[in-house]
């Protein structure tokens, strides 16, 4: 009888350890968020998304685009959106999952002579899983009021001053 009790006790102990291991694996998954399939960050982190523009063929006189995110996973810091290159930038951070952005200044076009910051904003990670931050470029207007077709968009993700993703291509909507 003692032998049966010992075997049953050992099996219960092994089962308990196995279940707790499985639960801790799922709990760890709930604490991590993968952004754009590349950047792994933790719930509670503040993530800086920096969008870069490179390889433009001409000066920019106007643009219209939207940045998309999933508010189920990310909470936008509405005061964090900045752009050093564009004065009088117009944007709306009060919409859920989307930030429409536009700018125009026909008197003072903006030049991107190489890879330079286009804009940046901060998000708080509120849930683990997988999500994307993407963009939709409606138009970028050059000097002849034609759409600039040749340019390269990349982004960085930074957490606590540490770059998590650098120079990755931006997903498009």
N, C-alpha and C. Protein backbone atom coordinates (compact mmCIF):
# COMPACT_ATOMS: atom_id res chain seq x y z
N UNK A 1 0.82 -1.19 0.00
CA UNK A 1 0.00 0.00 0.00
C UNK A 1 0.87 1.26 0.00
N UNK A 2 1.97 1.23 0.77
CA UNK A 2 2.87 2.37 0.81
C UNK A 2 3.47 2.63 -0.57
N UNK A 3 3.74 1.54 -1.30
CA UNK A 3 4.33 1.66 -2.62
C UNK A 3 3.34 2.34 -3.59
N UNK A 4 2.07 1.98 -3.54
CA UNK A 4 1.04 2.58 -4.38
C UNK A 4 0.89 4.06 -4.03
N UNK A 5 0.86 4.37 -2.73
CA UNK A 5 0.74 5.74 -2.28
C UNK A 5 1.93 6.57 -2.76
N UNK A 6 3.12 6.03 -2.70
CA UNK A 6 4.33 6.73 -3.15
C UNK A 6 4.28 6.99 -4.65
N UNK A 7 3.81 6.02 -5.42
CA UNK A 7 3.72 6.19 -6.87
C UNK A 7 2.67 7.24 -7.22
N UNK A 8 1.52 7.19 -6.58
CA UNK A 8 0.46 8.17 -6.82
C UNK A 8 0.93 9.57 -6.42
N UNK A 9 1.60 9.69 -5.30
CA UNK A 9 2.13 10.98 -4.85
C UNK A 9 3.14 11.54 -5.84
N UNK A 10 4.01 10.70 -6.35
CA UNK A 10 5.02 11.13 -7.33
C UNK A 10 4.34 11.59 -8.62
N UNK A 11 3.33 10.86 -9.07
CA UNK A 11 2.61 11.26 -10.29
C UNK A 11 1.89 12.59 -10.11
N UNK A 12 1.28 12.79 -8.95
CA UNK A 12 0.60 14.06 -8.67
C UNK A 12 1.60 15.22 -8.65
N UNK A 13 2.76 15.00 -8.07
CA UNK A 13 3.80 16.02 -8.02
C UNK A 13 4.29 16.37 -9.43
N UNK A 14 4.54 15.37 -10.25
CA UNK A 14 4.98 15.60 -11.63
C UNK A 14 3.91 16.35 -12.41
N UNK A 15 2.66 15.98 -12.24
CA UNK A 15 1.55 16.64 -12.92
C UNK A 15 1.45 18.11 -12.47
N UNK A 16 1.58 18.36 -11.18
CA UNK A 16 1.50 19.73 -10.66
C UNK A 16 2.63 20.60 -11.23
N UNK A 17 3.83 20.06 -11.29
CA UNK A 17 4.97 20.80 -11.85
C UNK A 17 4.74 21.09 -13.33
N UNK A 18 4.23 20.12 -14.06
CA UNK A 18 3.96 20.29 -15.49
C UNK A 18 2.92 21.38 -15.73
N UNK A 19 1.85 21.36 -14.97
CA UNK A 19 0.77 22.35 -15.13
C UNK A 19 1.29 23.74 -14.79
N UNK A 20 2.06 23.86 -13.72
CA UNK A 20 2.57 25.19 -13.35
C UNK A 20 3.55 25.71 -14.40
N UNK A 21 4.31 24.84 -15.04
CA UNK A 21 5.22 25.26 -16.11
C UNK A 21 4.44 25.77 -17.31
N UNK A 22 3.39 25.08 -17.67
CA UNK A 22 2.56 25.48 -18.80
C UNK A 22 1.90 26.82 -18.50
N UNK A 23 1.38 27.00 -17.30
CA UNK A 23 0.73 28.26 -16.93
C UNK A 23 1.73 29.40 -16.97
N UNK A 24 2.95 29.18 -16.48
CA UNK A 24 3.94 30.26 -16.49
C UNK A 24 4.35 30.62 -17.91
N UNK A 25 4.38 29.67 -18.84
CA UNK A 25 4.69 29.97 -20.24
C UNK A 25 3.61 30.85 -20.83
N UNK A 26 2.33 30.52 -20.59
CA UNK A 26 1.25 31.34 -21.11
C UNK A 26 1.23 32.71 -20.44
N UNK A 27 1.54 32.79 -19.17
CA UNK A 27 1.59 34.07 -18.48
C UNK A 27 2.69 34.94 -19.06
N UNK A 28 3.83 34.36 -19.39
CA UNK A 28 4.92 35.13 -20.00
C UNK A 28 4.51 35.66 -21.36
N UNK A 29 3.75 34.88 -22.14
CA UNK A 29 3.26 35.34 -23.43
C UNK A 29 2.32 36.52 -23.28
N UNK A 30 1.53 36.56 -22.21
CA UNK A 30 0.62 37.66 -21.96
C UNK A 30 1.36 38.95 -21.60
N UNK A 31 2.60 38.85 -21.21
CA UNK A 31 3.38 40.02 -20.79
C UNK A 31 4.25 40.58 -21.91
N UNK A 32 4.35 39.90 -23.05
CA UNK A 32 5.19 40.36 -24.16
C UNK A 32 4.32 40.69 -25.36
N UNK A 33 4.72 41.74 -26.07
CA UNK A 33 4.03 42.16 -27.28
C UNK A 33 5.04 42.19 -28.42
N UNK A 34 4.69 41.54 -29.53
CA UNK A 34 5.53 41.59 -30.73
C UNK A 34 4.92 42.62 -31.67
N UNK A 35 5.72 43.61 -32.05
CA UNK A 35 5.27 44.68 -32.93
C UNK A 35 5.89 44.48 -34.31
N UNK A 36 5.04 44.43 -35.34
CA UNK A 36 5.45 44.27 -36.73
C UNK A 36 6.29 43.01 -36.95
N UNK A 37 6.05 42.00 -36.12
CA UNK A 37 6.76 40.74 -36.27
C UNK A 37 8.23 40.79 -35.90
N UNK A 38 8.70 41.94 -35.40
CA UNK A 38 10.13 42.11 -35.13
C UNK A 38 10.46 42.53 -33.70
N UNK A 39 9.79 43.55 -33.21
CA UNK A 39 10.13 44.11 -31.91
C UNK A 39 9.36 43.46 -30.80
N UNK A 40 10.06 42.90 -29.83
CA UNK A 40 9.41 42.28 -28.67
C UNK A 40 9.60 43.21 -27.47
N UNK A 41 8.47 43.66 -26.93
CA UNK A 41 8.46 44.58 -25.80
C UNK A 41 7.54 44.01 -24.72
N UNK A 42 7.57 44.61 -23.55
CA UNK A 42 6.80 44.09 -22.41
C UNK A 42 5.63 45.00 -22.08
N UNK A 43 4.58 44.41 -21.52
CA UNK A 43 3.45 45.19 -21.03
C UNK A 43 3.98 46.18 -20.00
N UNK A 44 3.55 47.42 -20.12
CA UNK A 44 4.01 48.49 -19.23
C UNK A 44 5.12 49.32 -19.82
N UNK A 45 5.82 48.81 -20.85
CA UNK A 45 6.89 49.58 -21.50
C UNK A 45 6.30 50.76 -22.27
N UNK A 46 7.09 51.82 -22.36
CA UNK A 46 6.79 52.92 -23.26
C UNK A 46 7.66 52.74 -24.49
N UNK A 47 7.02 52.64 -25.64
CA UNK A 47 7.71 52.38 -26.91
C UNK A 47 7.68 53.65 -27.74
N UNK A 48 8.85 54.07 -28.18
CA UNK A 48 8.95 55.23 -29.08
C UNK A 48 9.02 54.69 -30.51
N UNK A 49 8.08 55.10 -31.34
CA UNK A 49 8.05 54.74 -32.76
C UNK A 49 8.58 55.94 -33.53
N UNK A 50 9.69 55.77 -34.24
CA UNK A 50 10.29 56.86 -35.01
C UNK A 50 10.25 56.47 -36.49
N UNK A 51 9.60 57.31 -37.28
CA UNK A 51 9.45 57.09 -38.71
C UNK A 51 10.48 57.93 -39.45
N UNK A 52 11.19 57.29 -40.39
CA UNK A 52 12.23 57.97 -41.17
C UNK A 52 11.87 57.98 -42.65
N UNK A 53 12.32 59.03 -43.34
CA UNK A 53 12.16 59.13 -44.78
C UNK A 53 13.54 59.29 -45.40
N UNK A 54 13.75 58.62 -46.53
CA UNK A 54 15.05 58.63 -47.21
C UNK A 54 14.79 58.50 -48.71
N UNK A 55 15.79 58.83 -49.48
CA UNK A 55 15.76 58.63 -50.94
C UNK A 55 14.63 59.38 -51.64
N UNK A 56 14.29 60.58 -51.18
CA UNK A 56 13.30 61.37 -51.92
C UNK A 56 13.98 62.01 -53.12
N UNK A 57 13.24 62.15 -54.19
CA UNK A 57 13.80 62.69 -55.42
C UNK A 57 13.67 64.19 -55.51
N UNK A 58 12.85 64.79 -54.67
CA UNK A 58 12.66 66.24 -54.71
C UNK A 58 12.16 66.76 -53.37
N UNK A 59 12.10 68.08 -53.25
CA UNK A 59 11.61 68.71 -52.03
C UNK A 59 10.12 68.41 -51.84
N UNK A 60 9.70 68.41 -50.57
CA UNK A 60 8.30 68.13 -50.24
C UNK A 60 7.59 69.45 -49.94
N UNK A 61 6.45 69.66 -50.63
CA UNK A 61 5.64 70.85 -50.43
C UNK A 61 4.37 70.55 -49.62
N UNK A 62 3.95 69.31 -49.63
CA UNK A 62 2.75 68.91 -48.88
C UNK A 62 2.72 67.38 -48.78
N UNK A 63 2.01 66.90 -47.78
CA UNK A 63 1.79 65.46 -47.68
C UNK A 63 0.53 65.19 -46.88
N UNK A 64 0.01 63.98 -47.07
CA UNK A 64 -1.11 63.48 -46.29
C UNK A 64 -0.89 61.98 -46.10
N UNK A 65 -0.94 61.54 -44.86
CA UNK A 65 -0.81 60.12 -44.57
C UNK A 65 -1.44 59.82 -43.23
N UNK A 66 -1.57 58.53 -42.94
CA UNK A 66 -2.12 58.09 -41.65
C UNK A 66 -1.21 57.02 -41.06
N UNK A 67 -1.08 57.08 -39.76
CA UNK A 67 -0.37 56.06 -38.99
C UNK A 67 -1.42 55.23 -38.27
N UNK A 68 -1.32 53.90 -38.37
CA UNK A 68 -2.30 53.00 -37.77
C UNK A 68 -1.67 52.17 -36.66
N UNK A 69 -2.43 51.95 -35.60
CA UNK A 69 -2.00 51.09 -34.49
C UNK A 69 -3.25 50.44 -33.91
N UNK A 70 -3.08 49.45 -33.06
CA UNK A 70 -4.21 48.74 -32.48
C UNK A 70 -4.31 49.13 -31.00
N UNK A 71 -5.36 49.87 -30.66
CA UNK A 71 -5.53 50.37 -29.29
C UNK A 71 -5.85 49.25 -28.29
N UNK A 72 -6.07 48.04 -28.77
CA UNK A 72 -6.23 46.90 -27.86
C UNK A 72 -4.88 46.58 -27.20
N UNK A 73 -3.78 46.87 -27.91
CA UNK A 73 -2.44 46.53 -27.43
C UNK A 73 -1.61 47.76 -27.05
N UNK A 74 -1.86 48.88 -27.72
CA UNK A 74 -1.04 50.08 -27.54
C UNK A 74 -1.91 51.28 -27.19
N UNK A 75 -1.44 52.07 -26.24
CA UNK A 75 -2.11 53.31 -25.88
C UNK A 75 -1.22 54.47 -26.29
N UNK A 76 -1.71 55.31 -27.18
CA UNK A 76 -0.95 56.45 -27.69
C UNK A 76 -0.82 57.53 -26.63
N UNK A 77 0.39 58.03 -26.43
CA UNK A 77 0.60 59.23 -25.62
C UNK A 77 0.29 60.40 -26.56
N UNK A 78 -0.88 60.98 -26.43
CA UNK A 78 -1.39 61.97 -27.38
C UNK A 78 -0.53 63.22 -27.50
N UNK A 79 0.26 63.50 -26.49
CA UNK A 79 1.11 64.70 -26.52
C UNK A 79 2.51 64.41 -27.05
N UNK A 80 2.78 63.16 -27.42
CA UNK A 80 4.14 62.78 -27.79
C UNK A 80 4.46 62.93 -29.27
N UNK A 81 3.47 63.12 -30.12
CA UNK A 81 3.73 63.19 -31.55
C UNK A 81 4.54 64.44 -31.87
N UNK A 82 5.71 64.25 -32.48
CA UNK A 82 6.58 65.37 -32.82
C UNK A 82 7.17 65.18 -34.20
N UNK A 83 7.54 66.31 -34.80
CA UNK A 83 8.24 66.31 -36.07
C UNK A 83 9.08 67.58 -36.15
N UNK A 84 10.39 67.42 -36.12
CA UNK A 84 11.27 68.58 -36.17
C UNK A 84 11.33 69.21 -37.56
N UNK A 85 11.06 68.43 -38.58
CA UNK A 85 11.17 68.92 -39.96
C UNK A 85 9.98 69.76 -40.40
N UNK A 86 8.82 69.53 -39.80
CA UNK A 86 7.60 70.16 -40.28
C UNK A 86 6.98 71.07 -39.22
N UNK A 87 7.04 72.39 -39.46
CA UNK A 87 6.30 73.29 -38.59
C UNK A 87 4.84 73.24 -39.04
N UNK A 88 3.96 73.67 -38.24
CA UNK A 88 2.51 73.68 -38.47
C UNK A 88 1.95 72.34 -38.96
N UNK A 89 2.45 71.26 -38.41
CA UNK A 89 1.96 69.91 -38.71
C UNK A 89 0.53 69.78 -38.16
N UNK A 90 -0.36 69.23 -38.96
CA UNK A 90 -1.75 69.05 -38.55
C UNK A 90 -2.01 67.56 -38.37
N UNK A 91 -2.52 67.18 -37.19
CA UNK A 91 -2.81 65.78 -36.92
C UNK A 91 -3.92 65.66 -35.90
N UNK A 92 -4.51 64.48 -35.82
CA UNK A 92 -5.59 64.22 -34.87
C UNK A 92 -5.24 62.96 -34.09
N UNK A 93 -4.96 63.12 -32.81
CA UNK A 93 -4.64 61.98 -31.94
C UNK A 93 -5.86 61.49 -31.15
N UNK A 94 -7.02 62.04 -31.46
CA UNK A 94 -8.24 61.66 -30.71
C UNK A 94 -9.03 60.53 -31.36
N UNK A 95 -8.56 60.02 -32.48
CA UNK A 95 -9.22 58.89 -33.12
C UNK A 95 -8.63 57.59 -32.60
N UNK A 96 -9.44 56.56 -32.52
CA UNK A 96 -8.94 55.27 -32.06
C UNK A 96 -8.30 54.51 -33.22
N UNK A 97 -7.10 54.02 -33.00
CA UNK A 97 -6.37 53.16 -33.94
C UNK A 97 -5.80 53.88 -35.16
N UNK A 98 -5.91 55.18 -35.25
CA UNK A 98 -5.47 55.90 -36.45
C UNK A 98 -5.05 57.33 -36.09
N UNK A 99 -3.94 57.77 -36.68
CA UNK A 99 -3.51 59.16 -36.53
C UNK A 99 -3.39 59.75 -37.94
N UNK A 100 -4.39 60.51 -38.41
CA UNK A 100 -4.24 61.18 -39.70
C UNK A 100 -3.31 62.38 -39.53
N UNK A 101 -2.41 62.56 -40.51
CA UNK A 101 -1.41 63.63 -40.43
C UNK A 101 -1.32 64.30 -41.80
N UNK A 102 -1.28 65.64 -41.81
CA UNK A 102 -1.02 66.33 -43.06
C UNK A 102 -0.27 67.63 -42.80
N UNK A 103 0.31 68.13 -43.86
CA UNK A 103 1.13 69.34 -43.78
C UNK A 103 1.23 69.94 -45.18
N UNK A 104 1.29 71.25 -45.22
CA UNK A 104 1.57 71.93 -46.48
C UNK A 104 2.23 73.27 -46.19
N UNK A 105 3.19 73.64 -47.03
CA UNK A 105 3.84 74.95 -46.95
C UNK A 105 4.53 75.18 -48.28
N UNK A 106 3.82 75.80 -49.22
CA UNK A 106 4.38 75.97 -50.56
C UNK A 106 5.52 76.99 -50.59
N UNK A 107 5.64 77.80 -49.56
CA UNK A 107 6.72 78.78 -49.49
C UNK A 107 8.01 78.21 -48.92
N UNK A 108 7.90 77.15 -48.12
CA UNK A 108 9.05 76.58 -47.45
C UNK A 108 9.06 75.05 -47.57
N UNK A 109 9.44 74.53 -48.72
CA UNK A 109 9.46 73.07 -48.87
C UNK A 109 10.49 72.44 -47.93
N UNK A 110 10.27 71.18 -47.61
CA UNK A 110 11.18 70.45 -46.73
C UNK A 110 12.05 69.53 -47.58
N UNK A 111 13.33 69.50 -47.24
CA UNK A 111 14.31 68.71 -47.97
C UNK A 111 14.74 67.53 -47.10
N UNK A 112 14.75 66.34 -47.68
CA UNK A 112 15.29 65.16 -47.03
C UNK A 112 16.49 64.72 -47.86
N UNK A 113 17.66 65.16 -47.43
CA UNK A 113 18.87 64.88 -48.22
C UNK A 113 19.42 63.47 -47.97
N UNK A 114 18.98 62.84 -46.94
CA UNK A 114 19.37 61.47 -46.58
C UNK A 114 18.35 60.95 -45.59
N UNK A 115 18.65 59.87 -44.92
CA UNK A 115 17.72 59.32 -43.93
C UNK A 115 17.58 60.30 -42.78
N UNK A 116 16.36 60.81 -42.63
CA UNK A 116 16.09 61.77 -41.56
C UNK A 116 14.75 61.45 -40.92
N UNK A 117 14.61 61.86 -39.66
CA UNK A 117 13.37 61.61 -38.93
C UNK A 117 12.22 62.39 -39.55
N UNK A 118 11.14 61.68 -39.83
CA UNK A 118 9.93 62.28 -40.37
C UNK A 118 9.01 62.69 -39.22
N UNK A 119 8.76 61.76 -38.30
CA UNK A 119 8.00 62.05 -37.08
C UNK A 119 8.21 60.92 -36.08
N UNK A 120 7.78 61.16 -34.85
CA UNK A 120 7.84 60.12 -33.83
C UNK A 120 6.68 60.29 -32.85
N UNK A 121 6.36 59.20 -32.17
CA UNK A 121 5.33 59.23 -31.13
C UNK A 121 5.57 58.06 -30.17
N UNK A 122 4.99 58.18 -28.99
CA UNK A 122 5.16 57.17 -27.94
C UNK A 122 3.86 56.41 -27.70
N UNK A 123 4.02 55.13 -27.40
CA UNK A 123 2.90 54.26 -27.04
C UNK A 123 3.23 53.54 -25.75
N UNK A 124 2.21 53.33 -24.91
CA UNK A 124 2.37 52.45 -23.76
C UNK A 124 1.82 51.08 -24.15
N UNK A 125 2.57 50.03 -23.84
CA UNK A 125 2.14 48.66 -24.14
C UNK A 125 1.16 48.25 -23.04
N UNK A 126 -0.09 47.94 -23.45
CA UNK A 126 -1.13 47.62 -22.46
C UNK A 126 -1.56 46.16 -22.47
N UNK A 127 -1.12 45.41 -23.49
CA UNK A 127 -1.52 44.00 -23.57
C UNK A 127 -0.49 43.24 -24.41
N UNK A 128 -0.24 42.00 -24.02
CA UNK A 128 0.66 41.15 -24.79
C UNK A 128 -0.03 40.53 -25.98
N UNK A 129 0.79 40.03 -26.91
CA UNK A 129 0.27 39.39 -28.12
C UNK A 129 1.08 39.83 -29.32
N UNK A 130 0.39 40.07 -30.43
CA UNK A 130 1.04 40.53 -31.66
C UNK A 130 0.22 41.65 -32.27
N UNK A 131 0.89 42.68 -32.76
CA UNK A 131 0.21 43.81 -33.38
C UNK A 131 1.12 44.46 -34.40
N UNK A 132 0.57 45.44 -35.12
CA UNK A 132 1.34 46.19 -36.11
C UNK A 132 1.16 47.68 -35.90
N UNK A 133 2.20 48.42 -36.25
CA UNK A 133 2.11 49.86 -36.45
C UNK A 133 2.42 50.04 -37.93
N UNK A 134 1.47 50.61 -38.67
CA UNK A 134 1.62 50.71 -40.12
C UNK A 134 1.23 52.10 -40.60
N UNK A 135 1.41 52.33 -41.88
CA UNK A 135 1.08 53.63 -42.45
C UNK A 135 0.38 53.48 -43.79
N UNK A 136 -0.32 54.53 -44.15
CA UNK A 136 -0.92 54.64 -45.48
C UNK A 136 -0.55 56.02 -45.99
N UNK A 137 0.27 56.07 -47.03
CA UNK A 137 0.67 57.34 -47.63
C UNK A 137 -0.38 57.68 -48.69
N UNK A 138 -1.13 58.73 -48.47
CA UNK A 138 -2.11 59.16 -49.45
C UNK A 138 -1.41 59.92 -50.57
N UNK A 139 -0.56 60.88 -50.17
CA UNK A 139 0.21 61.62 -51.18
C UNK A 139 1.35 62.40 -50.53
N UNK A 140 2.42 62.54 -51.31
CA UNK A 140 3.53 63.42 -50.97
C UNK A 140 3.73 64.29 -52.21
N UNK A 141 3.55 65.58 -52.06
CA UNK A 141 3.52 66.48 -53.20
C UNK A 141 4.87 67.18 -53.38
N UNK A 142 5.38 67.14 -54.61
CA UNK A 142 6.61 67.82 -54.98
C UNK A 142 6.33 69.16 -55.62
N UNK A 143 7.36 69.79 -56.20
CA UNK A 143 7.25 71.16 -56.70
C UNK A 143 6.29 71.33 -57.87
N UNK A 144 6.09 70.33 -58.69
CA UNK A 144 5.17 70.44 -59.82
C UNK A 144 3.76 70.01 -59.45
N UNK A 145 3.48 69.94 -58.16
CA UNK A 145 2.21 69.47 -57.62
C UNK A 145 1.91 68.04 -58.04
N UNK A 146 2.98 67.30 -58.29
CA UNK A 146 2.82 65.89 -58.61
C UNK A 146 3.23 65.05 -57.40
N UNK A 147 2.71 63.86 -57.35
CA UNK A 147 3.01 62.96 -56.25
C UNK A 147 4.44 62.44 -56.37
N UNK A 148 5.20 62.54 -55.30
CA UNK A 148 6.56 62.00 -55.28
C UNK A 148 6.46 60.49 -55.09
N UNK A 149 6.94 59.75 -56.05
CA UNK A 149 6.83 58.29 -56.02
C UNK A 149 8.04 57.61 -55.41
N UNK A 150 9.22 58.23 -55.55
CA UNK A 150 10.45 57.59 -55.11
C UNK A 150 10.86 58.09 -53.73
N UNK A 151 10.75 57.20 -52.76
CA UNK A 151 11.22 57.48 -51.40
C UNK A 151 11.25 56.17 -50.63
N UNK A 152 11.94 56.18 -49.52
CA UNK A 152 12.08 54.98 -48.71
C UNK A 152 11.66 55.30 -47.28
N UNK A 153 10.74 54.49 -46.73
CA UNK A 153 10.25 54.65 -45.37
C UNK A 153 10.81 53.55 -44.49
N UNK A 154 11.37 53.91 -43.35
CA UNK A 154 11.83 52.94 -42.36
C UNK A 154 11.42 53.43 -40.97
N UNK A 155 11.60 52.57 -39.99
CA UNK A 155 11.25 52.97 -38.63
C UNK A 155 12.20 52.32 -37.63
N UNK A 156 12.25 52.93 -36.44
CA UNK A 156 12.93 52.37 -35.28
C UNK A 156 11.91 52.24 -34.16
N UNK A 157 12.09 51.24 -33.31
CA UNK A 157 11.36 51.12 -32.05
C UNK A 157 12.37 51.22 -30.93
N UNK A 158 12.12 52.07 -29.96
CA UNK A 158 13.02 52.28 -28.84
C UNK A 158 12.26 52.10 -27.54
N UNK A 159 12.86 51.36 -26.59
CA UNK A 159 12.28 51.18 -25.26
C UNK A 159 13.36 51.56 -24.26
N UNK A 160 13.05 52.51 -23.38
CA UNK A 160 13.98 52.96 -22.34
C UNK A 160 15.35 53.32 -22.92
N UNK A 161 15.35 54.01 -24.05
CA UNK A 161 16.60 54.44 -24.67
C UNK A 161 17.33 53.35 -25.44
N UNK A 162 16.81 52.13 -25.44
CA UNK A 162 17.45 51.02 -26.13
C UNK A 162 16.67 50.72 -27.41
N UNK A 163 17.39 50.68 -28.53
CA UNK A 163 16.74 50.39 -29.81
C UNK A 163 16.42 48.90 -29.88
N UNK A 164 15.13 48.60 -30.10
CA UNK A 164 14.65 47.23 -30.20
C UNK A 164 14.59 46.80 -31.67
N UNK A 165 14.19 47.74 -32.54
CA UNK A 165 14.15 47.52 -33.99
C UNK A 165 14.79 48.75 -34.63
N UNK A 166 15.66 48.53 -35.62
CA UNK A 166 16.32 49.65 -36.27
C UNK A 166 16.29 49.50 -37.79
N UNK A 167 15.82 50.54 -38.47
CA UNK A 167 15.87 50.58 -39.92
C UNK A 167 14.98 49.58 -40.63
N UNK A 168 13.91 49.15 -39.99
CA UNK A 168 13.00 48.17 -40.62
C UNK A 168 12.04 48.88 -41.56
N UNK A 169 11.58 48.16 -42.58
CA UNK A 169 10.59 48.69 -43.51
C UNK A 169 9.25 48.83 -42.79
N UNK A 170 8.55 49.91 -43.09
CA UNK A 170 7.28 50.18 -42.44
C UNK A 170 6.16 49.42 -43.15
N UNK A 171 5.39 48.64 -42.40
CA UNK A 171 4.24 47.97 -43.02
C UNK A 171 3.25 49.02 -43.55
N UNK A 172 2.60 48.71 -44.66
CA UNK A 172 1.60 49.62 -45.22
C UNK A 172 0.21 49.04 -45.06
N UNK A 173 -0.73 49.88 -44.94
CA UNK A 173 -2.13 49.50 -44.74
C UNK A 173 -2.77 49.26 -46.07
